């Protein structure tokens, strides 16, 4: 499971990798809300060694495995440069205030 970024209300955040297009490109935003453990899953059923180009049959062996990103928080961010609010997952934001 991926660790949370420990983002709290009032933090100043930005995207880890700025979006190439869009209004929030590289600009900082204020966290106005945090919904803990809102999105994702800790584990999922996965097919062992699926064959390329074939359908996945119900008779194939499945196992439980951890997901790539785990459970993430939903962060409500106010972008003052744009005057807009958006919901973002915690894994794509970084805290830039101390």
PDB file of N, CA and C in Angstrom:
ATOM      1  N   UNK A   1       0.840  -1.178   0.000  1.00  0.00           N
ATOM      2  CA  UNK A   1       0.000   0.000   0.000  1.00  0.00           C
ATOM      3  C   UNK A   1       0.886   1.242   0.000  1.00  0.00           C
ATOM      4  N   UNK A   2       0.506   2.201  -0.790  1.00  0.00           N
ATOM      5  CA  UNK A   2       1.275   3.436  -0.893  1.00  0.00           C
ATOM      6  C   UNK A   2       0.996   4.322   0.318  1.00  0.00           C
ATOM      7  N   UNK A   3       2.014   4.968   0.819  1.00  0.00           N
ATOM      8  CA  UNK A   3       1.852   5.843   1.978  1.00  0.00           C
ATOM      9  C   UNK A   3       1.136   7.123   1.585  1.00  0.00           C
ATOM     10  N   UNK A   4       0.340   7.634   2.511  1.00  0.00           N
ATOM     11  CA  UNK A   4      -0.352   8.901   2.275  1.00  0.00           C
ATOM     12  C   UNK A   4       0.646  10.038   2.324  1.00  0.00           C
ATOM     13  N   UNK A   5       0.325  11.120   1.652  1.00  0.00           N
ATOM     14  CA  UNK A   5       1.209  12.282   1.627  1.00  0.00           C
ATOM     15  C   UNK A   5       1.047  13.159   2.855  1.00  0.00           C
ATOM     16  N   UNK A   6       0.161  12.791   3.779  1.00  0.00           N
ATOM     17  CA  UNK A   6      -0.102  13.585   4.980  1.00  0.00           C
ATOM     18  C   UNK A   6      -0.456  15.027   4.635  1.00  0.00           C
ATOM     19  N   UNK A   7      -1.439  15.188   3.810  1.00  0.00           N
ATOM     20  CA  UNK A   7      -1.934  16.501   3.419  1.00  0.00           C
ATOM     21  C   UNK A   7      -3.057  16.882   4.370  1.00  0.00           C
ATOM     22  N   UNK A   8      -2.985  18.088   4.906  1.00  0.00           N
ATOM     23  CA  UNK A   8      -3.978  18.570   5.865  1.00  0.00           C
ATOM     24  C   UNK A   8      -4.641  19.838   5.348  1.00  0.00           C
ATOM     25  N   UNK A   9      -5.798  20.149   5.921  1.00  0.00           N
ATOM     26  CA  UNK A   9      -6.507  21.378   5.568  1.00  0.00           C
ATOM     27  C   UNK A   9      -5.611  22.571   5.891  1.00  0.00           C
ATOM     28  N   UNK A  10      -5.519  23.511   4.955  1.00  0.00           N
ATOM     29  CA  UNK A  10      -4.705  24.706   5.131  1.00  0.00           C
ATOM     30  C   UNK A  10      -3.327  24.615   4.498  1.00  0.00           C
ATOM     31  N   UNK A  11      -2.920  23.409   4.052  1.00  0.00           N
ATOM     32  CA  UNK A  11      -1.611  23.258   3.405  1.00  0.00           C
ATOM     33  C   UNK A  11      -1.619  23.908   2.024  1.00  0.00           C
ATOM     34  N   UNK A  12      -0.451  24.331   1.601  1.00  0.00           N
ATOM     35  CA  UNK A  12      -0.245  24.845   0.256  1.00  0.00           C
ATOM     36  C   UNK A  12       0.327  23.689  -0.568  1.00  0.00           C
ATOM     37  N   UNK A  13      -0.343  23.342  -1.678  1.00  0.00           N
ATOM     38  CA  UNK A  13       0.054  22.183  -2.475  1.00  0.00           C
ATOM     39  C   UNK A  13       0.231  22.567  -3.942  1.00  0.00           C
ATOM     40  N   UNK A  14       0.874  21.662  -4.674  1.00  0.00           N
ATOM     41  CA  UNK A  14       0.956  21.779  -6.129  1.00  0.00           C
ATOM     42  C   UNK A  14       1.053  20.364  -6.682  1.00  0.00           C
ATOM     43  N   UNK A  15       0.855  20.239  -7.999  1.00  0.00           N
ATOM     44  CA  UNK A  15       0.977  18.942  -8.629  1.00  0.00           C
ATOM     45  C   UNK A  15       2.434  18.492  -8.605  1.00  0.00           C
ATOM     46  N   UNK A  16       2.677  17.210  -8.389  1.00  0.00           N
ATOM     47  CA  UNK A  16       4.030  16.676  -8.398  1.00  0.00           C
ATOM     48  C   UNK A  16       4.637  16.874  -9.783  1.00  0.00           C
ATOM     49  N   UNK A  17       3.882  16.539 -10.817  1.00  0.00           N
ATOM     50  CA  UNK A  17       4.285  16.811 -12.192  1.00  0.00           C
ATOM     51  C   UNK A  17       3.257  17.769 -12.766  1.00  0.00           C
ATOM     52  N   UNK A  18       3.638  19.006 -13.053  1.00  0.00           N
ATOM     53  CA  UNK A  18       2.664  19.977 -13.556  1.00  0.00           C
ATOM     54  C   UNK A  18       1.977  19.483 -14.823  1.00  0.00           C
ATOM     55  N   UNK A  19       0.686  19.747 -14.912  1.00  0.00           N
ATOM     56  CA  UNK A  19      -0.067  19.342 -16.087  1.00  0.00           C
ATOM     57  C   UNK A  19       0.397  20.160 -17.281  1.00  0.00           C
ATOM     58  N   UNK A  20       0.632  19.528 -18.427  1.00  0.00           N
ATOM     59  CA  UNK A  20       1.133  20.262 -19.586  1.00  0.00           C
ATOM     60  C   UNK A  20       0.141  21.294 -20.123  1.00  0.00           C
ATOM     61  N   UNK A  21      -1.115  21.031 -19.953  1.00  0.00           N
ATOM     62  CA  UNK A  21      -2.120  22.000 -20.369  1.00  0.00           C
ATOM     63  C   UNK A  21      -3.158  22.082 -19.260  1.00  0.00           C
ATOM     64  N   UNK A  22      -3.924  23.092 -19.261  1.00  0.00           N
ATOM     65  CA  UNK A  22      -4.923  23.251 -18.218  1.00  0.00           C
ATOM     66  C   UNK A  22      -4.633  24.452 -17.359  1.00  0.00           C
ATOM     67  N   UNK A  23      -5.649  24.922 -16.656  1.00  0.00           N
ATOM     68  CA  UNK A  23      -5.516  26.167 -15.908  1.00  0.00           C
ATOM     69  C   UNK A  23      -4.643  26.091 -14.666  1.00  0.00           C
ATOM     70  N   UNK A  24      -4.465  24.906 -14.062  1.00  0.00           N
ATOM     71  CA  UNK A  24      -3.707  24.812 -12.819  1.00  0.00           C
ATOM     72  C   UNK A  24      -2.247  24.480 -13.062  1.00  0.00           C
ATOM     73  N   UNK A  25      -1.741  24.694 -14.251  1.00  0.00           N
ATOM     74  CA  UNK A  25      -0.381  24.327 -14.640  1.00  0.00           C
ATOM     75  C   UNK A  25       0.655  24.999 -13.735  1.00  0.00           C
ATOM     76  N   UNK A  26       1.248  24.226 -12.816  1.00  0.00           N
ATOM     77  CA  UNK A  26       2.328  24.708 -11.974  1.00  0.00           C
ATOM     78  C   UNK A  26       1.950  25.675 -10.871  1.00  0.00           C
ATOM     79  N   UNK A  27       0.702  26.077 -10.777  1.00  0.00           N
ATOM     80  CA  UNK A  27       0.319  27.056  -9.761  1.00  0.00           C
ATOM     81  C   UNK A  27       0.022  26.371  -8.431  1.00  0.00           C
ATOM     82  N   UNK A  28       0.302  27.043  -7.309  1.00  0.00           N
ATOM     83  CA  UNK A  28       0.000  26.471  -5.991  1.00  0.00           C
ATOM     84  C   UNK A  28      -1.482  26.625  -5.656  1.00  0.00           C
ATOM     85  N   UNK A  29      -1.958  25.749  -4.787  1.00  0.00           N
ATOM     86  CA  UNK A  29      -3.340  25.794  -4.346  1.00  0.00           C
ATOM     87  C   UNK A  29      -3.437  25.549  -2.854  1.00  0.00           C
ATOM     88  N   UNK A  30      -4.569  25.944  -2.266  1.00  0.00           N
ATOM     89  CA  UNK A  30      -4.817  25.757  -0.835  1.00  0.00           C
ATOM     90  C   UNK A  30      -5.754  24.575  -0.624  1.00  0.00           C
ATOM     91  N   UNK A  31      -5.427  23.724   0.335  1.00  0.00           N
ATOM     92  CA  UNK A  31      -6.276  22.586   0.669  1.00  0.00           C
ATOM     93  C   UNK A  31      -7.427  23.082   1.533  1.00  0.00           C
ATOM     94  N   UNK A  32      -8.656  22.862   1.072  1.00  0.00           N
ATOM     95  CA  UNK A  32      -9.834  23.283   1.827  1.00  0.00           C
ATOM     96  C   UNK A  32     -10.644  22.092   2.347  1.00  0.00           C
ATOM     97  N   UNK A  33     -10.258  20.883   1.946  1.00  0.00           N
ATOM     98  CA  UNK A  33     -10.955  19.700   2.431  1.00  0.00           C
ATOM     99  C   UNK A  33     -10.151  18.441   2.182  1.00  0.00           C
ATOM    100  N   UNK A  34     -10.275  17.465   3.096  1.00  0.00           N
ATOM    101  CA  UNK A  34      -9.592  16.181   2.954  1.00  0.00           C
ATOM    102  C   UNK A  34     -10.593  15.084   3.295  1.00  0.00           C
ATOM    103  N   UNK A  35     -10.830  14.183   2.349  1.00  0.00           N
ATOM    104  CA  UNK A  35     -11.664  13.005   2.581  1.00  0.00           C
ATOM    105  C   UNK A  35     -10.726  11.818   2.702  1.00  0.00           C
ATOM    106  N   UNK A  36     -10.512  11.334   3.922  1.00  0.00           N
ATOM    107  CA  UNK A  36      -9.565  10.251   4.188  1.00  0.00           C
ATOM    108  C   UNK A  36     -10.039   8.941   3.564  1.00  0.00           C
ATOM    109  N   UNK A  37      -9.095   8.215   2.987  1.00  0.00           N
ATOM    110  CA  UNK A  37      -9.317   6.882   2.417  1.00  0.00           C
ATOM    111  C   UNK A  37     -10.553   6.849   1.533  1.00  0.00           C
ATOM    112  N   UNK A  38     -10.620   7.764   0.569  1.00  0.00           N
ATOM    113  CA  UNK A  38     -11.790   7.922  -0.267  1.00  0.00           C
ATOM    114  C   UNK A  38     -11.747   7.081  -1.528  1.00  0.00           C
ATOM    115  N   UNK A  39     -10.558   6.804  -2.068  1.00  0.00           N
ATOM    116  CA  UNK A  39     -10.440   6.195  -3.381  1.00  0.00           C
ATOM    117  C   UNK A  39      -9.421   5.066  -3.369  1.00  0.00           C
ATOM    118  N   UNK A  40      -9.709   3.995  -4.085  1.00  0.00           N
ATOM    119  CA  UNK A  40      -8.741   2.925  -4.273  1.00  0.00           C
ATOM    120  C   UNK A  40      -9.043   1.681  -3.469  1.00  0.00           C
ATOM    121  N   UNK A  41      -8.114   0.755  -3.504  1.00  0.00           N
ATOM    122  CA  UNK A  41      -8.244  -0.511  -2.797  1.00  0.00           C
ATOM    123  C   UNK A  41      -6.862  -0.993  -2.391  1.00  0.00           C
ATOM    124  N   UNK A  42      -6.803  -1.778  -1.329  1.00  0.00           N
ATOM    125  CA  UNK A  42      -5.514  -2.308  -0.876  1.00  0.00           C
ATOM    126  C   UNK A  42      -5.078  -3.509  -1.703  1.00  0.00           C
ATOM    127  N   UNK A  43      -6.053  -4.338  -2.130  1.00  0.00           N
ATOM    128  CA  UNK A  43      -5.710  -5.526  -2.890  1.00  0.00           C
ATOM    129  C   UNK A  43      -6.807  -5.821  -3.910  1.00  0.00           C
ATOM    130  N   UNK A  44      -6.458  -6.628  -4.912  1.00  0.00           N
ATOM    131  CA  UNK A  44      -7.393  -6.967  -5.969  1.00  0.00           C
ATOM    132  C   UNK A  44      -7.084  -8.372  -6.472  1.00  0.00           C
ATOM    133  N   UNK A  45      -8.093  -8.998  -7.120  1.00  0.00           N
ATOM    134  CA  UNK A  45      -7.865 -10.288  -7.757  1.00  0.00           C
ATOM    135  C   UNK A  45      -7.091 -10.060  -9.041  1.00  0.00           C
ATOM    136  N   UNK A  46      -6.065 -10.871  -9.256  1.00  0.00           N
ATOM    137  CA  UNK A  46      -5.257 -10.756 -10.463  1.00  0.00           C
ATOM    138  C   UNK A  46      -5.064 -12.142 -11.071  1.00  0.00           C
ATOM    139  N   UNK A  47      -4.931 -12.187 -12.390  1.00  0.00           N
ATOM    140  CA  UNK A  47      -4.736 -13.447 -13.101  1.00  0.00           C
ATOM    141  C   UNK A  47      -3.241 -13.744 -13.146  1.00  0.00           C
ATOM    142  N   UNK A  48      -2.891 -14.985 -12.819  1.00  0.00           N
ATOM    143  CA  UNK A  48      -1.491 -15.394 -12.873  1.00  0.00           C
ATOM    144  C   UNK A  48      -1.112 -15.723 -14.312  1.00  0.00           C
ATOM    145  N   UNK A  49      -0.115 -15.055 -14.835  1.00  0.00           N
ATOM    146  CA  UNK A  49       0.439 -15.283 -16.164  1.00  0.00           C
ATOM    147  C   UNK A  49      -0.627 -15.353 -17.260  1.00  0.00           C
ATOM    148  N   UNK A  50      -1.338 -14.257 -17.519  1.00  0.00           N
ATOM    149  CA  UNK A  50      -2.323 -14.290 -18.611  1.00  0.00           C
ATOM    150  C   UNK A  50      -1.599 -14.381 -19.959  1.00  0.00           C
ATOM    151  N   UNK A  51      -2.182 -15.112 -20.890  1.00  0.00           N
ATOM    152  CA  UNK A  51      -1.581 -15.266 -22.210  1.00  0.00           C
ATOM    153  C   UNK A  51      -1.944 -14.075 -23.072  1.00  0.00           C
ATOM    154  N   UNK A  52      -0.983 -13.559 -23.771  1.00  0.00           N
ATOM    155  CA  UNK A  52      -1.191 -12.395 -24.622  1.00  0.00           C
ATOM    156  C   UNK A  52      -2.104 -12.752 -25.799  1.00  0.00           C
ATOM    157  N   UNK A  53      -3.121 -11.918 -26.033  1.00  0.00           N
ATOM    158  CA  UNK A  53      -4.010 -12.106 -27.164  1.00  0.00           C
ATOM    159  C   UNK A  53      -5.161 -13.058 -26.905  1.00  0.00           C
ATOM    160  N   UNK A  54      -5.290 -13.601 -25.693  1.00  0.00           N
ATOM    161  CA  UNK A  54      -6.373 -14.530 -25.374  1.00  0.00           C
ATOM    162  C   UNK A  54      -7.306 -13.913 -24.346  1.00  0.00           C
ATOM    163  N   UNK A  55      -8.546 -14.381 -24.341  1.00  0.00           N
ATOM    164  CA  UNK A  55      -9.515 -13.935 -23.345  1.00  0.00           C
ATOM    165  C   UNK A  55      -9.154 -14.517 -21.982  1.00  0.00           C
ATOM    166  N   UNK A  56      -9.569 -13.831 -20.951  1.00  0.00           N
ATOM    167  CA  UNK A  56      -9.357 -14.336 -19.599  1.00  0.00           C
ATOM    168  C   UNK A  56     -10.545 -15.220 -19.255  1.00  0.00           C
ATOM    169  N   UNK A  57     -10.289 -16.482 -19.002  1.00  0.00           N
ATOM    170  CA  UNK A  57     -11.347 -17.452 -18.718  1.00  0.00           C
ATOM    171  C   UNK A  57     -11.562 -17.573 -17.217  1.00  0.00           C
ATOM    172  N   UNK A  58     -12.745 -18.001 -16.854  1.00  0.00           N
ATOM    173  CA  UNK A  58     -13.065 -18.184 -15.443  1.00  0.00           C
ATOM    174  C   UNK A  58     -12.296 -19.315 -14.795  1.00  0.00           C
ATOM    175  N   UNK A  59     -11.734 -20.213 -15.616  1.00  0.00           N
ATOM    176  CA  UNK A  59     -11.005 -21.350 -15.067  1.00  0.00           C
ATOM    177  C   UNK A  59      -9.542 -21.023 -14.757  1.00  0.00           C
ATOM    178  N   UNK A  60      -9.086 -19.823 -15.119  1.00  0.00           N
ATOM    179  CA  UNK A  60      -7.698 -19.465 -14.845  1.00  0.00           C
ATOM    180  C   UNK A  60      -7.499 -19.196 -13.364  1.00  0.00           C
ATOM    181  N   UNK A  61      -6.277 -19.367 -12.916  1.00  0.00           N
ATOM    182  CA  UNK A  61      -5.992 -19.186 -11.494  1.00  0.00           C
ATOM    183  C   UNK A  61      -5.889 -17.696 -11.150  1.00  0.00           C
ATOM    184  N   UNK A  62      -6.528 -17.315 -10.082  1.00  0.00           N
ATOM    185  CA  UNK A  62      -6.523 -15.944  -9.596  1.00  0.00           C
ATOM    186  C   UNK A  62      -5.827 -15.914  -8.245  1.00  0.00           C
ATOM    187  N   UNK A  63      -5.288 -14.773  -7.895  1.00  0.00           N
ATOM    188  CA  UNK A  63      -4.742 -14.610  -6.556  1.00  0.00           C
ATOM    189  C   UNK A  63      -4.958 -13.165  -6.113  1.00  0.00           C
ATOM    190  N   UNK A  64      -4.917 -12.947  -4.823  1.00  0.00           N
ATOM    191  CA  UNK A  64      -5.024 -11.595  -4.287  1.00  0.00           C
ATOM    192  C   UNK A  64      -3.639 -10.980  -4.248  1.00  0.00           C
ATOM    193  N   UNK A  65      -3.539  -9.756  -4.737  1.00  0.00           N
ATOM    194  CA  UNK A  65      -2.255  -9.065  -4.744  1.00  0.00           C
ATOM    195  C   UNK A  65      -2.481  -7.598  -4.405  1.00  0.00           C
ATOM    196  N   UNK A  66      -1.484  -6.920  -3.841  1.00  0.00           N
ATOM    197  CA  UNK A  66      -1.644  -5.505  -3.530  1.00  0.00           C
ATOM    198  C   UNK A  66      -1.789  -4.674  -4.804  1.00  0.00           C
ATOM    199  N   UNK A  67      -2.545  -3.598  -4.720  1.00  0.00           N
ATOM    200  CA  UNK A  67      -2.696  -2.699  -5.860  1.00  0.00           C
ATOM    201  C   UNK A  67      -1.514  -1.735  -5.908  1.00  0.00           C
ATOM    202  N   UNK A  68      -1.344  -1.101  -7.044  1.00  0.00           N
ATOM    203  CA  UNK A  68      -0.192  -0.218  -7.260  1.00  0.00           C
ATOM    204  C   UNK A  68      -0.219   0.996  -6.337  1.00  0.00           C
ATOM    205  N   UNK A  69      -1.361   1.693  -6.252  1.00  0.00           N
ATOM    206  CA  UNK A  69      -1.426   2.935  -5.494  1.00  0.00           C
ATOM    207  C   UNK A  69      -2.074   2.801  -4.124  1.00  0.00           C
ATOM    208  N   UNK A  70      -2.747   1.710  -3.842  1.00  0.00           N
ATOM    209  CA  UNK A  70      -3.401   1.542  -2.550  1.00  0.00           C
ATOM    210  C   UNK A  70      -4.574   2.489  -2.365  1.00  0.00           C
ATOM    211  N   UNK A  71      -4.932   2.738  -1.137  1.00  0.00           N
ATOM    212  CA  UNK A  71      -6.043   3.638  -0.836  1.00  0.00           C
ATOM    213  C   UNK A  71      -5.502   5.056  -0.714  1.00  0.00           C
ATOM    214  N   UNK A  72      -6.202   5.996  -1.363  1.00  0.00           N
ATOM    215  CA  UNK A  72      -5.754   7.381  -1.386  1.00  0.00           C
ATOM    216  C   UNK A  72      -6.824   8.304  -0.821  1.00  0.00           C
ATOM    217  N   UNK A  73      -6.391   9.476  -0.394  1.00  0.00           N
ATOM    218  CA  UNK A  73      -7.311  10.498   0.079  1.00  0.00           C
ATOM    219  C   UNK A  73      -7.775  11.341  -1.101  1.00  0.00           C
ATOM    220  N   UNK A  74      -9.003  11.886  -0.989  1.00  0.00           N
ATOM    221  CA  UNK A  74      -9.485  12.860  -1.969  1.00  0.00           C
ATOM    222  C   UNK A  74      -9.269  14.237  -1.372  1.00  0.00           C
ATOM    223  N   UNK A  75      -8.552  15.087  -2.084  1.00  0.00           N
ATOM    224  CA  UNK A  75      -8.186  16.411  -1.600  1.00  0.00           C
ATOM    225  C   UNK A  75      -8.977  17.463  -2.371  1.00  0.00           C
ATOM    226  N   UNK A  76      -9.638  18.368  -1.657  1.00  0.00           N
ATOM    227  CA  UNK A  76     -10.331  19.495  -2.277  1.00  0.00           C
ATOM    228  C   UNK A  76      -9.370  20.670  -2.262  1.00  0.00           C
ATOM    229  N   UNK A  77      -9.048  21.180  -3.458  1.00  0.00           N
ATOM    230  CA  UNK A  77      -8.033  22.222  -3.591  1.00  0.00           C
ATOM    231  C   UNK A  77      -8.656  23.475  -4.199  1.00  0.00           C
ATOM    232  N   UNK A  78      -8.380  24.624  -3.570  1.00  0.00           N
ATOM    233  CA  UNK A  78      -8.771  25.927  -4.114  1.00  0.00           C
ATOM    234  C   UNK A  78      -7.570  26.479  -4.860  1.00  0.00           C
ATOM    235  N   UNK A  79      -7.750  26.749  -6.148  1.00  0.00           N
ATOM    236  CA  UNK A  79      -6.686  27.303  -6.990  1.00  0.00           C
ATOM    237  C   UNK A  79      -6.931  28.796  -7.130  1.00  0.00           C
ATOM    238  N   UNK A  80      -6.233  29.648  -6.350  1.00  0.00           N
ATOM    239  CA  UNK A  80      -6.509  31.087  -6.365  1.00  0.00           C
ATOM    240  C   UNK A  80      -6.190  31.767  -7.689  1.00  0.00           C
ATOM    241  N   UNK A  81      -5.199  31.279  -8.434  1.00  0.00           N
ATOM    242  CA  UNK A  81      -4.860  31.894  -9.724  1.00  0.00           C
ATOM    243  C   UNK A  81      -6.009  31.782 -10.721  1.00  0.00           C
ATOM    244  N   UNK A  82      -6.774  30.707 -10.595  1.00  0.00           N
ATOM    245  CA  UNK A  82      -7.865  30.443 -11.526  1.00  0.00           C
ATOM    246  C   UNK A  82      -9.219  30.794 -10.907  1.00  0.00           C
ATOM    247  N   UNK A  83      -9.276  30.773  -9.579  1.00  0.00           N
ATOM    248  CA  UNK A  83     -10.545  30.997  -8.892  1.00  0.00           C
ATOM    249  C   UNK A  83     -11.465  29.801  -8.995  1.00  0.00           C
ATOM    250  N   UNK A  84     -10.888  28.600  -8.951  1.00  0.00           N
ATOM    251  CA  UNK A  84     -11.651  27.371  -9.132  1.00  0.00           C
ATOM    252  C   UNK A  84     -11.296  26.384  -8.031  1.00  0.00           C
ATOM    253  N   UNK A  85     -12.200  25.439  -7.790  1.00  0.00           N
ATOM    254  CA  UNK A  85     -11.981  24.365  -6.826  1.00  0.00           C
ATOM    255  C   UNK A  85     -11.989  23.055  -7.596  1.00  0.00           C
ATOM    256  N   UNK A  86     -11.078  22.132  -7.243  1.00  0.00           N
ATOM    257  CA  UNK A  86     -11.072  20.813  -7.882  1.00  0.00           C
ATOM    258  C   UNK A  86     -10.800  19.736  -6.845  1.00  0.00           C
ATOM    259  N   UNK A  87     -11.188  18.505  -7.187  1.00  0.00           N
ATOM    260  CA  UNK A  87     -10.910  17.344  -6.359  1.00  0.00           C
ATOM    261  C   UNK A  87      -9.753  16.588  -6.988  1.00  0.00           C
ATOM    262  N   UNK A  88      -8.742  16.278  -6.194  1.00  0.00           N
ATOM    263  CA  UNK A  88      -7.567  15.568  -6.676  1.00  0.00           C
ATOM    264  C   UNK A  88      -7.252  14.427  -5.726  1.00  0.00           C
ATOM    265  N   UNK A  89      -6.639  13.354  -6.239  1.00  0.00           N
ATOM    266  CA  UNK A  89      -6.197  12.266  -5.365  1.00  0.00           C
ATOM    267  C   UNK A  89      -4.860  12.650  -4.750  1.00  0.00           C
ATOM    268  N   UNK A  90      -4.603  12.142  -3.567  1.00  0.00           N
ATOM    269  CA  UNK A  90      -3.435  12.574  -2.798  1.00  0.00           C
ATOM    270  C   UNK A  90      -2.108  12.205  -3.438  1.00  0.00           C
ATOM    271  N   UNK A  91      -2.078  11.187  -4.282  1.00  0.00           N
ATOM    272  CA  UNK A  91      -0.806  10.739  -4.847  1.00  0.00           C
ATOM    273  C   UNK A  91      -0.225  11.684  -5.890  1.00  0.00           C
ATOM    274  N   UNK A  92      -1.010  12.617  -6.427  1.00  0.00           N
ATOM    275  CA  UNK A  92      -0.489  13.518  -7.463  1.00  0.00           C
ATOM    276  C   UNK A  92      -0.187  14.907  -6.929  1.00  0.00           C
ATOM    277  N   UNK A  93      -0.332  15.107  -5.610  1.00  0.00           N
ATOM    278  CA  UNK A  93      -0.068  16.400  -5.001  1.00  0.00           C
ATOM    279  C   UNK A  93       1.103  16.309  -4.031  1.00  0.00           C
ATOM    280  N   UNK A  94       1.817  17.425  -3.909  1.00  0.00           N
ATOM    281  CA  UNK A  94       2.876  17.512  -2.898  1.00  0.00           C
ATOM    282  C   UNK A  94       2.681  18.782  -2.087  1.00  0.00           C
ATOM    283  N   UNK A  95       3.016  18.715  -0.804  1.00  0.00           N
ATOM    284  CA  UNK A  95       2.896  19.867   0.087  1.00  0.00           C
ATOM    285  C   UNK A  95       4.127  20.741  -0.092  1.00  0.00           C
ATOM    286  N   UNK A  96       3.894  22.045  -0.330  1.00  0.00           N
ATOM    287  CA  UNK A  96       5.030  22.963  -0.504  1.00  0.00           C
ATOM    288  C   UNK A  96       5.125  23.974   0.637  1.00  0.00           C
ATOM    289  N   UNK A  97       4.189  23.896   1.594  1.00  0.00           N
ATOM    290  CA  UNK A  97       4.287  24.750   2.786  1.00  0.00           C
ATOM    291  C   UNK A  97       4.809  23.917   3.947  1.00  0.00           C
ATOM    292  N   UNK A  98       5.469  24.558   4.886  1.00  0.00           N
ATOM    293  CA  UNK A  98       6.007  23.828   6.035  1.00  0.00           C
ATOM    294  C   UNK A  98       5.171  24.083   7.256  1.00  0.00           C
TER     295      UNK A  98
END
